[in-house]
Amino acid sequence: MITNNREPKLHILHSCDNPSRVNPKHLREGTDADNVQDMMERGRYAKGQQRCKHALATEVVIRIKEMLAKGDSNRRIASETGVNHARVYEIKKGVTYKWVEISGQQR
């Protein structure tokens, strides 16, 4: 704002992806969508356990997906893994933990 001598109507985004640099030439305006796109392209988003302290450990999700692949019921999987059966259902349907893969295939 100071460098450009105006009020930004949008977010100010950092173009060079180096947070410690403060070169005003590396700043640009952008929308929320621009900001999210930058975040995704640069891998600057949290997944799994990094995202939330309540997230399941990747190993648990892998075990759940292996059990689902064998045909175990959601309730049995929930009982054996200590995970709520509704969460098992979400994993089964691909609502959550899509990024966890097993044997090169999405689970």
PDB file of N, CA and C in Angstrom:
ATOM      1  N   MET A   1       0.828  -1.182   0.000  1.00  0.00           N
ATOM      2  CA  MET A   1       0.000   0.000   0.000  1.00  0.00           C
ATOM      3  C   MET A   1       0.874   1.247   0.000  1.00  0.00           C
ATOM      4  N   ILE A   2       1.916   1.219   0.813  1.00  0.00           N
ATOM      5  CA  ILE A   2       2.798   2.378   0.902  1.00  0.00           C
ATOM      6  C   ILE A   2       3.534   2.571  -0.414  1.00  0.00           C
ATOM      7  N   THR A   3       4.095   1.479  -0.950  1.00  0.00           N
ATOM      8  CA  THR A   3       4.865   1.556  -2.184  1.00  0.00           C
ATOM      9  C   THR A   3       4.013   2.001  -3.358  1.00  0.00           C
ATOM     10  N   ASN A   4       2.816   1.466  -3.443  1.00  0.00           N
ATOM     11  CA  ASN A   4       1.949   1.775  -4.575  1.00  0.00           C
ATOM     12  C   ASN A   4       1.069   2.995  -4.330  1.00  0.00           C
ATOM     13  N   ASN A   5       1.139   3.550  -3.124  1.00  0.00           N
ATOM     14  CA  ASN A   5       0.410   4.753  -2.751  1.00  0.00           C
ATOM     15  C   ASN A   5      -1.096   4.633  -3.015  1.00  0.00           C
ATOM     16  N   ARG A   6      -1.654   3.501  -2.604  1.00  0.00           N
ATOM     17  CA  ARG A   6      -3.093   3.322  -2.751  1.00  0.00           C
ATOM     18  C   ARG A   6      -3.582   2.208  -1.836  1.00  0.00           C
ATOM     19  N   GLU A   7      -4.871   2.188  -1.615  1.00  0.00           N
ATOM     20  CA  GLU A   7      -5.507   1.147  -0.816  1.00  0.00           C
ATOM     21  C   GLU A   7      -5.730  -0.081  -1.702  1.00  0.00           C
ATOM     22  N   PRO A   8      -5.320  -1.250  -1.250  1.00  0.00           N
ATOM     23  CA  PRO A   8      -5.572  -2.431  -2.075  1.00  0.00           C
ATOM     24  C   PRO A   8      -7.047  -2.839  -1.998  1.00  0.00           C
ATOM     25  N   LYS A   9      -7.606  -3.187  -3.130  1.00  0.00           N
ATOM     26  CA  LYS A   9      -8.984  -3.678  -3.171  1.00  0.00           C
ATOM     27  C   LYS A   9      -9.000  -5.197  -3.007  1.00  0.00           C
ATOM     28  N   LEU A  10      -7.848  -5.812  -3.202  1.00  0.00           N
ATOM     29  CA  LEU A  10      -7.719  -7.258  -3.116  1.00  0.00           C
ATOM     30  C   LEU A  10      -6.660  -7.610  -2.083  1.00  0.00           C
ATOM     31  N   HIS A  11      -6.335  -8.867  -1.974  1.00  0.00           N
ATOM     32  CA  HIS A  11      -5.250  -9.307  -1.098  1.00  0.00           C
ATOM     33  C   HIS A  11      -3.915  -8.940  -1.744  1.00  0.00           C
ATOM     34  N   ILE A  12      -2.902  -8.826  -0.917  1.00  0.00           N
ATOM     35  CA  ILE A  12      -1.555  -8.622  -1.432  1.00  0.00           C
ATOM     36  C   ILE A  12      -0.850  -9.977  -1.387  1.00  0.00           C
ATOM     37  N   LEU A  13      -0.437 -10.461  -2.547  1.00  0.00           N
ATOM     38  CA  LEU A  13       0.201 -11.762  -2.667  1.00  0.00           C
ATOM     39  C   LEU A  13       1.697 -11.591  -2.893  1.00  0.00           C
ATOM     40  N   HIS A  14       2.450 -12.562  -2.431  1.00  0.00           N
ATOM     41  CA  HIS A  14       3.900 -12.538  -2.524  1.00  0.00           C
ATOM     42  C   HIS A  14       4.322 -13.417  -3.681  1.00  0.00           C
ATOM     43  N   SER A  15       4.900 -12.846  -4.710  1.00  0.00           N
ATOM     44  CA  SER A  15       5.179 -13.568  -5.944  1.00  0.00           C
ATOM     45  C   SER A  15       6.394 -14.484  -5.901  1.00  0.00           C
ATOM     46  N   CYS A  16       7.410 -14.161  -5.124  1.00  0.00           N
ATOM     47  CA  CYS A  16       8.646 -14.949  -5.222  1.00  0.00           C
ATOM     48  C   CYS A  16       8.675 -16.134  -4.265  1.00  0.00           C
ATOM     49  N   ASP A  17       7.664 -16.300  -3.433  1.00  0.00           N
ATOM     50  CA  ASP A  17       7.548 -17.460  -2.546  1.00  0.00           C
ATOM     51  C   ASP A  17       8.691 -17.558  -1.536  1.00  0.00           C
ATOM     52  N   ASN A  18       9.262 -16.442  -1.183  1.00  0.00           N
ATOM     53  CA  ASN A  18      10.293 -16.411  -0.152  1.00  0.00           C
ATOM     54  C   ASN A  18       9.819 -15.431   0.915  1.00  0.00           C
ATOM     55  N   PRO A  19       9.173 -15.949   1.987  1.00  0.00           N
ATOM     56  CA  PRO A  19       8.560 -15.071   2.985  1.00  0.00           C
ATOM     57  C   PRO A  19       9.510 -14.087   3.656  1.00  0.00           C
ATOM     58  N   SER A  20      10.779 -14.417   3.692  1.00  0.00           N
ATOM     59  CA  SER A  20      11.711 -13.528   4.383  1.00  0.00           C
ATOM     60  C   SER A  20      12.100 -12.308   3.539  1.00  0.00           C
ATOM     61  N   ARG A  21      11.798 -12.347   2.265  1.00  0.00           N
ATOM     62  CA  ARG A  21      12.127 -11.212   1.395  1.00  0.00           C
ATOM     63  C   ARG A  21      10.990 -10.202   1.442  1.00  0.00           C
ATOM     64  N   VAL A  22      11.347  -8.958   1.421  1.00  0.00           N
ATOM     65  CA  VAL A  22      10.339  -7.901   1.502  1.00  0.00           C
ATOM     66  C   VAL A  22      10.441  -6.920   0.336  1.00  0.00           C
ATOM     67  N   ASN A  23      10.839  -7.410  -0.814  1.00  0.00           N
ATOM     68  CA  ASN A  23      10.956  -6.566  -1.986  1.00  0.00           C
ATOM     69  C   ASN A  23       9.551  -6.201  -2.483  1.00  0.00           C
ATOM     70  N   PRO A  24       9.196  -4.924  -2.474  1.00  0.00           N
ATOM     71  CA  PRO A  24       7.858  -4.521  -2.921  1.00  0.00           C
ATOM     72  C   PRO A  24       7.555  -4.936  -4.356  1.00  0.00           C
ATOM     73  N   LYS A  25       8.578  -5.153  -5.169  1.00  0.00           N
ATOM     74  CA  LYS A  25       8.359  -5.586  -6.550  1.00  0.00           C
ATOM     75  C   LYS A  25       7.828  -7.019  -6.611  1.00  0.00           C
ATOM     76  N   HIS A  26       7.957  -7.739  -5.498  1.00  0.00           N
ATOM     77  CA  HIS A  26       7.482  -9.124  -5.450  1.00  0.00           C
ATOM     78  C   HIS A  26       6.060  -9.216  -4.910  1.00  0.00           C
ATOM     79  N   LEU A  27       5.418  -8.088  -4.713  1.00  0.00           N
ATOM     80  CA  LEU A  27       4.052  -8.072  -4.196  1.00  0.00           C
ATOM     81  C   LEU A  27       3.088  -7.743  -5.322  1.00  0.00           C
ATOM     82  N   ARG A  28       1.925  -8.392  -5.286  1.00  0.00           N
ATOM     83  CA  ARG A  28       0.906  -8.131  -6.302  1.00  0.00           C
ATOM     84  C   ARG A  28      -0.469  -8.324  -5.694  1.00  0.00           C
ATOM     85  N   GLU A  29      -1.454  -7.724  -6.328  1.00  0.00           N
ATOM     86  CA  GLU A  29      -2.823  -7.902  -5.873  1.00  0.00           C
ATOM     87  C   GLU A  29      -3.375  -9.224  -6.412  1.00  0.00           C
ATOM     88  N   GLY A  30      -4.287  -9.794  -5.643  1.00  0.00           N
ATOM     89  CA  GLY A  30      -4.932 -11.018  -6.094  1.00  0.00           C
ATOM     90  C   GLY A  30      -6.182 -11.299  -5.285  1.00  0.00           C
ATOM     91  N   THR A  31      -7.006 -12.155  -5.822  1.00  0.00           N
ATOM     92  CA  THR A  31      -8.253 -12.553  -5.156  1.00  0.00           C
ATOM     93  C   THR A  31      -7.991 -13.701  -4.187  1.00  0.00           C
ATOM     94  N   ASP A  32      -9.019 -14.090  -3.449  1.00  0.00           N
ATOM     95  CA  ASP A  32      -8.916 -15.283  -2.608  1.00  0.00           C
ATOM     96  C   ASP A  32      -8.553 -16.493  -3.455  1.00  0.00           C
ATOM     97  N   ALA A  33      -9.184 -16.616  -4.616  1.00  0.00           N
ATOM     98  CA  ALA A  33      -8.909 -17.746  -5.511  1.00  0.00           C
ATOM     99  C   ALA A  33      -7.456 -17.743  -5.982  1.00  0.00           C
ATOM    100  N   ASP A  34      -6.916 -16.569  -6.277  1.00  0.00           N
ATOM    101  CA  ASP A  34      -5.507 -16.466  -6.671  1.00  0.00           C
ATOM    102  C   ASP A  34      -4.598 -16.950  -5.543  1.00  0.00           C
ATOM    103  N   ASN A  35      -4.940 -16.551  -4.333  1.00  0.00           N
ATOM    104  CA  ASN A  35      -4.153 -16.924  -3.165  1.00  0.00           C
ATOM    105  C   ASN A  35      -4.169 -18.436  -2.960  1.00  0.00           C
ATOM    106  N   VAL A  36      -5.340 -19.055  -3.072  1.00  0.00           N
ATOM    107  CA  VAL A  36      -5.463 -20.508  -2.908  1.00  0.00           C
ATOM    108  C   VAL A  36      -4.714 -21.222  -4.029  1.00  0.00           C
ATOM    109  N   GLN A  37      -4.836 -20.728  -5.256  1.00  0.00           N
ATOM    110  CA  GLN A  37      -4.129 -21.353  -6.375  1.00  0.00           C
ATOM    111  C   GLN A  37      -2.618 -21.304  -6.153  1.00  0.00           C
ATOM    112  N   ASP A  38      -2.111 -20.167  -5.715  1.00  0.00           N
ATOM    113  CA  ASP A  38      -0.680 -20.055  -5.403  1.00  0.00           C
ATOM    114  C   ASP A  38      -0.282 -21.069  -4.340  1.00  0.00           C
ATOM    115  N   MET A  39      -1.084 -21.173  -3.296  1.00  0.00           N
ATOM    116  CA  MET A  39      -0.803 -22.087  -2.195  1.00  0.00           C
ATOM    117  C   MET A  39      -0.723 -23.525  -2.698  1.00  0.00           C
ATOM    118  N   MET A  40      -1.681 -23.934  -3.521  1.00  0.00           N
ATOM    119  CA  MET A  40      -1.717 -25.303  -4.024  1.00  0.00           C
ATOM    120  C   MET A  40      -0.546 -25.576  -4.971  1.00  0.00           C
ATOM    121  N   GLU A  41      -0.288 -24.658  -5.882  1.00  0.00           N
ATOM    122  CA  GLU A  41       0.802 -24.842  -6.850  1.00  0.00           C
ATOM    123  C   GLU A  41       2.155 -24.946  -6.163  1.00  0.00           C
ATOM    124  N   ARG A  42       2.304 -24.246  -5.065  1.00  0.00           N
ATOM    125  CA  ARG A  42       3.594 -24.227  -4.364  1.00  0.00           C
ATOM    126  C   ARG A  42       3.684 -25.261  -3.248  1.00  0.00           C
ATOM    127  N   GLY A  43       2.633 -26.033  -3.058  1.00  0.00           N
ATOM    128  CA  GLY A  43       2.648 -27.061  -2.018  1.00  0.00           C
ATOM    129  C   GLY A  43       2.669 -26.485  -0.613  1.00  0.00           C
ATOM    130  N   ARG A  44       2.120 -25.307  -0.444  1.00  0.00           N
ATOM    131  CA  ARG A  44       2.119 -24.645   0.859  1.00  0.00           C
ATOM    132  C   ARG A  44       0.776 -24.808   1.561  1.00  0.00           C
ATOM    133  N   TYR A  45       0.356 -26.047   1.694  1.00  0.00           N
ATOM    134  CA  TYR A  45      -0.874 -26.336   2.412  1.00  0.00           C
ATOM    135  C   TYR A  45      -0.643 -27.585   3.242  1.00  0.00           C
ATOM    136  N   ALA A  46      -1.340 -27.666   4.316  1.00  0.00           N
ATOM    137  CA  ALA A  46      -1.172 -28.796   5.222  1.00  0.00           C
ATOM    138  C   ALA A  46      -2.107 -29.927   4.826  1.00  0.00           C
ATOM    139  N   LYS A  47      -1.601 -31.149   4.944  1.00  0.00           N
ATOM    140  CA  LYS A  47      -2.412 -32.326   4.684  1.00  0.00           C
ATOM    141  C   LYS A  47      -2.340 -33.231   5.908  1.00  0.00           C
ATOM    142  N   GLY A  48      -3.374 -34.018   6.054  1.00  0.00           N
ATOM    143  CA  GLY A  48      -3.367 -35.039   7.089  1.00  0.00           C
ATOM    144  C   GLY A  48      -3.105 -34.496   8.477  1.00  0.00           C
ATOM    145  N   GLN A  49      -2.168 -35.120   9.160  1.00  0.00           N
ATOM    146  CA  GLN A  49      -1.886 -34.769  10.544  1.00  0.00           C
ATOM    147  C   GLN A  49      -1.372 -33.349  10.699  1.00  0.00           C
ATOM    148  N   GLN A  50      -0.750 -32.801   9.670  1.00  0.00           N
ATOM    149  CA  GLN A  50      -0.257 -31.426   9.750  1.00  0.00           C
ATOM    150  C   GLN A  50      -1.411 -30.439   9.807  1.00  0.00           C
ATOM    151  N   ARG A  51      -2.532 -30.834   9.207  1.00  0.00           N
ATOM    152  CA  ARG A  51      -3.662 -29.927   9.061  1.00  0.00           C
ATOM    153  C   ARG A  51      -4.443 -29.739  10.346  1.00  0.00           C
ATOM    154  N   CYS A  52      -4.574 -30.788  11.104  1.00  0.00           N
ATOM    155  CA  CYS A  52      -5.451 -30.727  12.267  1.00  0.00           C
ATOM    156  C   CYS A  52      -4.961 -31.691  13.325  1.00  0.00           C
ATOM    157  N   LYS A  53      -5.002 -31.260  14.552  1.00  0.00           N
ATOM    158  CA  LYS A  53      -4.527 -32.147  15.621  1.00  0.00           C
ATOM    159  C   LYS A  53      -5.438 -33.350  15.801  1.00  0.00           C
ATOM    160  N   HIS A  54      -6.639 -33.300  15.215  1.00  0.00           N
ATOM    161  CA  HIS A  54      -7.574 -34.412  15.318  1.00  0.00           C
ATOM    162  C   HIS A  54      -7.501 -35.349  14.124  1.00  0.00           C
ATOM    163  N   ALA A  55      -6.596 -35.074  13.200  1.00  0.00           N
ATOM    164  CA  ALA A  55      -6.481 -35.900  12.008  1.00  0.00           C
ATOM    165  C   ALA A  55      -5.943 -37.277  12.372  1.00  0.00           C
ATOM    166  N   LEU A  56      -6.333 -38.249  11.591  1.00  0.00           N
ATOM    167  CA  LEU A  56      -5.849 -39.613  11.812  1.00  0.00           C
ATOM    168  C   LEU A  56      -4.428 -39.741  11.287  1.00  0.00           C
ATOM    169  N   ALA A  57      -3.653 -40.572  11.935  1.00  0.00           N
ATOM    170  CA  ALA A  57      -2.308 -40.864  11.453  1.00  0.00           C
ATOM    171  C   ALA A  57      -2.424 -41.559  10.100  1.00  0.00           C
ATOM    172  N   THR A  58      -1.527 -41.255   9.208  1.00  0.00           N
ATOM    173  CA  THR A  58      -1.548 -41.847   7.873  1.00  0.00           C
ATOM    174  C   THR A  58      -1.562 -43.372   7.951  1.00  0.00           C
ATOM    175  N   GLU A  59      -0.826 -43.930   8.907  1.00  0.00           N
ATOM    176  CA  GLU A  59      -0.760 -45.384   9.051  1.00  0.00           C
ATOM    177  C   GLU A  59      -2.127 -45.975   9.378  1.00  0.00           C
ATOM    178  N   VAL A  60      -2.913 -45.251  10.170  1.00  0.00           N
ATOM    179  CA  VAL A  60      -4.257 -45.716  10.522  1.00  0.00           C
ATOM    180  C   VAL A  60      -5.151 -45.692   9.286  1.00  0.00           C
ATOM    181  N   VAL A  61      -5.055 -44.632   8.504  1.00  0.00           N
ATOM    182  CA  VAL A  61      -5.860 -44.526   7.283  1.00  0.00           C
ATOM    183  C   VAL A  61      -5.480 -45.637   6.306  1.00  0.00           C
ATOM    184  N   ILE A  62      -4.204 -45.927   6.207  1.00  0.00           N
ATOM    185  CA  ILE A  62      -3.752 -47.017   5.337  1.00  0.00           C
ATOM    186  C   ILE A  62      -4.343 -48.339   5.802  1.00  0.00           C
ATOM    187  N   ARG A  63      -4.298 -48.576   7.102  1.00  0.00           N
ATOM    188  CA  ARG A  63      -4.872 -49.816   7.653  1.00  0.00           C
ATOM    189  C   ARG A  63      -6.370 -49.894   7.352  1.00  0.00           C
ATOM    190  N   ILE A  64      -7.074 -48.783   7.534  1.00  0.00           N
ATOM    191  CA  ILE A  64      -8.508 -48.754   7.249  1.00  0.00           C
ATOM    192  C   ILE A  64      -8.759 -49.072   5.778  1.00  0.00           C
ATOM    193  N   LYS A  65      -8.001 -48.458   4.898  1.00  0.00           N
ATOM    194  CA  LYS A  65      -8.190 -48.693   3.472  1.00  0.00           C
ATOM    195  C   LYS A  65      -7.849 -50.127   3.078  1.00  0.00           C
ATOM    196  N   GLU A  66      -6.854 -50.708   3.721  1.00  0.00           N
ATOM    197  CA  GLU A  66      -6.529 -52.114   3.463  1.00  0.00           C
ATOM    198  C   GLU A  66      -7.677 -53.014   3.911  1.00  0.00           C
ATOM    199  N   MET A  67      -8.233 -52.731   5.073  1.00  0.00           N
ATOM    200  CA  MET A  67      -9.352 -53.525   5.579  1.00  0.00           C
ATOM    201  C   MET A  67     -10.590 -53.354   4.689  1.00  0.00           C
ATOM    202  N   LEU A  68     -10.829 -52.135   4.223  1.00  0.00           N
ATOM    203  CA  LEU A  68     -11.948 -51.905   3.311  1.00  0.00           C
ATOM    204  C   LEU A  68     -11.757 -52.703   2.028  1.00  0.00           C
ATOM    205  N   ALA A  69     -10.540 -52.720   1.515  1.00  0.00           N
ATOM    206  CA  ALA A  69     -10.238 -53.443   0.278  1.00  0.00           C
ATOM    207  C   ALA A  69     -10.489 -54.942   0.440  1.00  0.00           C
ATOM    208  N   LYS A  70     -10.290 -55.448   1.660  1.00  0.00           N
ATOM    209  CA  LYS A  70     -10.550 -56.868   1.932  1.00  0.00           C
ATOM    210  C   LYS A  70     -12.026 -57.151   2.149  1.00  0.00           C
ATOM    211  N   GLY A  71     -12.836 -56.094   2.254  1.00  0.00           N
ATOM    212  CA  GLY A  71     -14.273 -56.291   2.419  1.00  0.00           C
ATOM    213  C   GLY A  71     -14.757 -56.265   3.855  1.00  0.00           C
ATOM    214  N   ASP A  72     -13.894 -55.885   4.786  1.00  0.00           N
ATOM    215  CA  ASP A  72     -14.334 -55.791   6.188  1.00  0.00           C
ATOM    216  C   ASP A  72     -15.408 -54.716   6.324  1.00  0.00           C
ATOM    217  N   SER A  73     -16.318 -54.908   7.263  1.00  0.00           N
ATOM    218  CA  SER A  73     -17.396 -53.940   7.474  1.00  0.00           C
ATOM    219  C   SER A  73     -16.866 -52.681   8.152  1.00  0.00           C
ATOM    220  N   ASN A  74     -17.594 -51.591   7.932  1.00  0.00           N
ATOM    221  CA  ASN A  74     -17.210 -50.319   8.561  1.00  0.00           C
ATOM    222  C   ASN A  74     -17.163 -50.455  10.080  1.00  0.00           C
ATOM    223  N   ARG A  75     -18.133 -51.126  10.641  1.00  0.00           N
ATOM    224  CA  ARG A  75     -18.194 -51.265  12.106  1.00  0.00           C
ATOM    225  C   ARG A  75     -17.034 -52.111  12.637  1.00  0.00           C
ATOM    226  N   ARG A  76     -16.683 -53.176  11.923  1.00  0.00           N
ATOM    227  CA  ARG A  76     -15.546 -54.000  12.360  1.00  0.00           C
ATOM    228  C   ARG A  76     -14.249 -53.194  12.297  1.00  0.00           C
ATOM    229  N   ILE A  77     -14.083 -52.462  11.198  1.00  0.00           N
ATOM    230  CA  ILE A  77     -12.892 -51.622  11.035  1.00  0.00           C
ATOM    231  C   ILE A  77     -12.841 -50.592  12.154  1.00  0.00           C
ATOM    232  N   ALA A  78     -13.974 -49.959  12.431  1.00  0.00           N
ATOM    233  CA  ALA A  78     -14.036 -48.961  13.495  1.00  0.00           C
ATOM    234  C   ALA A  78     -13.647 -49.572  14.823  1.00  0.00           C
ATOM    235  N   SER A  79     -14.150 -50.749  15.106  1.00  0.00           N
ATOM    236  CA  SER A  79     -13.854 -51.426  16.374  1.00  0.00           C
ATOM    237  C   SER A  79     -12.369 -51.756  16.494  1.00  0.00           C
ATOM    238  N   GLU A  80     -11.775 -52.245  15.405  1.00  0.00           N
ATOM    239  CA  GLU A  80     -10.367 -52.659  15.447  1.00  0.00           C
ATOM    240  C   GLU A  80      -9.388 -51.488  15.427  1.00  0.00           C
ATOM    241  N   THR A  81      -9.781 -50.378  14.828  1.00  0.00           N
ATOM    242  CA  THR A  81      -8.858 -49.247  14.719  1.00  0.00           C
ATOM    243  C   THR A  81      -9.129 -48.144  15.729  1.00  0.00           C
ATOM    244  N   GLY A  82     -10.291 -48.207  16.397  1.00  0.00           N
ATOM    245  CA  GLY A  82     -10.644 -47.167  17.357  1.00  0.00           C
ATOM    246  C   GLY A  82     -11.127 -45.885  16.702  1.00  0.00           C
ATOM    247  N   VAL A  83     -11.529 -45.990  15.439  1.00  0.00           N
ATOM    248  CA  VAL A  83     -12.011 -44.842  14.680  1.00  0.00           C
ATOM    249  C   VAL A  83     -13.525 -44.945  14.570  1.00  0.00           C
ATOM    250  N   ASN A  84     -14.214 -43.833  14.699  1.00  0.00           N
ATOM    251  CA  ASN A  84     -15.661 -43.801  14.586  1.00  0.00           C
ATOM    252  C   ASN A  84     -16.093 -44.386  13.239  1.00  0.00           C
ATOM    253  N   HIS A  85     -17.157 -45.209  13.253  1.00  0.00           N
ATOM    254  CA  HIS A  85     -17.588 -45.867  12.009  1.00  0.00           C
ATOM    255  C   HIS A  85     -18.021 -44.869  10.939  1.00  0.00           C
ATOM    256  N   ALA A  86     -18.490 -43.692  11.345  1.00  0.00           N
ATOM    257  CA  ALA A  86     -18.850 -42.664  10.365  1.00  0.00           C
ATOM    258  C   ALA A  86     -17.602 -42.165   9.631  1.00  0.00           C
ATOM    259  N   ARG A  87     -16.484 -42.047  10.345  1.00  0.00           N
ATOM    260  CA  ARG A  87     -15.231 -41.640   9.719  1.00  0.00           C
ATOM    261  C   ARG A  87     -14.749 -42.708   8.743  1.00  0.00           C
ATOM    262  N   VAL A  88     -14.917 -43.982   9.131  1.00  0.00           N
ATOM    263  CA  VAL A  88     -14.552 -45.078   8.229  1.00  0.00           C
ATOM    264  C   VAL A  88     -15.374 -44.977   6.941  1.00  0.00           C
ATOM    265  N   TYR A  89     -16.660 -44.695   7.074  1.00  0.00           N
ATOM    266  CA  TYR A  89     -17.537 -44.537   5.910  1.00  0.00           C
ATOM    267  C   TYR A  89     -17.048 -43.394   5.022  1.00  0.00           C
ATOM    268  N   GLU A  90     -16.660 -42.269   5.627  1.00  0.00           N
ATOM    269  CA  GLU A  90     -16.151 -41.128   4.858  1.00  0.00           C
ATOM    270  C   GLU A  90     -14.894 -41.506   4.084  1.00  0.00           C
ATOM    271  N   ILE A  91     -14.020 -42.269   4.718  1.00  0.00           N
ATOM    272  CA  ILE A  91     -12.793 -42.722   4.044  1.00  0.00           C
ATOM    273  C   ILE A  91     -13.155 -43.653   2.895  1.00  0.00           C
ATOM    274  N   LYS A  92     -14.088 -44.557   3.144  1.00  0.00           N
ATOM    275  CA  LYS A  92     -14.529 -45.510   2.121  1.00  0.00           C
ATOM    276  C   LYS A  92     -15.099 -44.796   0.896  1.00  0.00           C
ATOM    277  N   LYS A  93     -15.885 -43.763   1.121  1.00  0.00           N
ATOM    278  CA  LYS A  93     -16.523 -43.030   0.033  1.00  0.00           C
ATOM    279  C   LYS A  93     -15.610 -41.982  -0.602  1.00  0.00           C
ATOM    280  N   GLY A  94     -14.420 -41.789  -0.051  1.00  0.00           N
ATOM    281  CA  GLY A  94     -13.487 -40.823  -0.610  1.00  0.00           C
ATOM    282  C   GLY A  94     -13.781 -39.385  -0.225  1.00  0.00           C
ATOM    283  N   VAL A  95     -14.579 -39.209   0.821  1.00  0.00           N
ATOM    284  CA  VAL A  95     -14.885 -37.857   1.289  1.00  0.00           C
ATOM    285  C   VAL A  95     -13.677 -37.263   2.000  1.00  0.00           C
ATOM    286  N   THR A  96     -12.960 -38.112   2.713  1.00  0.00           N
ATOM    287  CA  THR A  96     -11.763 -37.667   3.427  1.00  0.00           C
ATOM    288  C   THR A  96     -10.590 -38.576   3.078  1.00  0.00           C
ATOM    289  N   TYR A  97      -9.398 -38.068   3.274  1.00  0.00           N
ATOM    290  CA  TYR A  97      -8.146 -38.812   3.098  1.00  0.00           C
ATOM    291  C   TYR A  97      -7.975 -39.371   1.685  1.00  0.00           C
ATOM    292  N   LYS A  98      -8.424 -38.630   0.676  1.00  0.00           N
ATOM    293  CA  LYS A  98      -8.233 -39.049  -0.717  1.00  0.00           C
ATOM    294  C   LYS A  98      -6.753 -39.151  -1.067  1.00  0.00           C
ATOM    295  N   TRP A  99      -5.957 -38.311  -0.441  1.00  0.00           N
ATOM    296  CA  TRP A  99      -4.534 -38.239  -0.779  1.00  0.00           C
ATOM    297  C   TRP A  99      -3.739 -39.428  -0.271  1.00  0.00           C
ATOM    298  N   VAL A 100      -4.311 -40.240   0.630  1.00  0.00           N
ATOM    299  CA  VAL A 100      -3.592 -41.408   1.146  1.00  0.00           C
ATOM    300  C   VAL A 100      -3.749 -42.540   0.146  1.00  0.00           C
ATOM    301  N   GLU A 101      -2.636 -43.011  -0.348  1.00  0.00           N
ATOM    302  CA  GLU A 101      -2.657 -44.042  -1.377  1.00  0.00           C
ATOM    303  C   GLU A 101      -2.090 -45.355  -0.848  1.00  0.00           C
ATOM    304  N   ILE A 102      -2.535 -46.417  -1.477  1.00  0.00           N
ATOM    305  CA  ILE A 102      -2.033 -47.755  -1.163  1.00  0.00           C
ATOM    306  C   ILE A 102      -1.778 -48.477  -2.480  1.00  0.00           C
ATOM    307  N   SER A 103      -0.638 -49.078  -2.617  1.00  0.00           N
ATOM    308  CA  SER A 103      -0.256 -49.825  -3.821  1.00  0.00           C
ATOM    309  C   SER A 103      -0.412 -49.005  -5.086  1.00  0.00           C
ATOM    310  N   GLY A 104      -0.100 -47.691  -5.011  1.00  0.00           N
ATOM    311  CA  GLY A 104      -0.169 -46.831  -6.173  1.00  0.00           C
ATOM    312  C   GLY A 104      -1.571 -46.448  -6.602  1.00  0.00           C
ATOM    313  N   GLN A 105      -2.562 -46.880  -5.843  1.00  0.00           N
ATOM    314  CA  GLN A 105      -3.948 -46.526  -6.158  1.00  0.00           C
ATOM    315  C   GLN A 105      -4.524 -45.702  -5.038  1.00  0.00           C
ATOM    316  N   GLN A 106      -5.414 -44.777  -5.392  1.00  0.00           N
ATOM    317  CA  GLN A 106      -6.072 -44.007  -4.341  1.00  0.00           C
ATOM    318  C   GLN A 106      -7.009 -44.935  -3.582  1.00  0.00           C
ATOM    319  N   ARG A 107      -7.114 -44.672  -2.283  1.00  0.00           N
ATOM    320  CA  ARG A 107      -7.990 -45.496  -1.454  1.00  0.00           C
ATOM    321  C   ARG A 107      -9.197 -44.735  -1.057  1.00  0.00           C
TER     322      ARG A 107
END
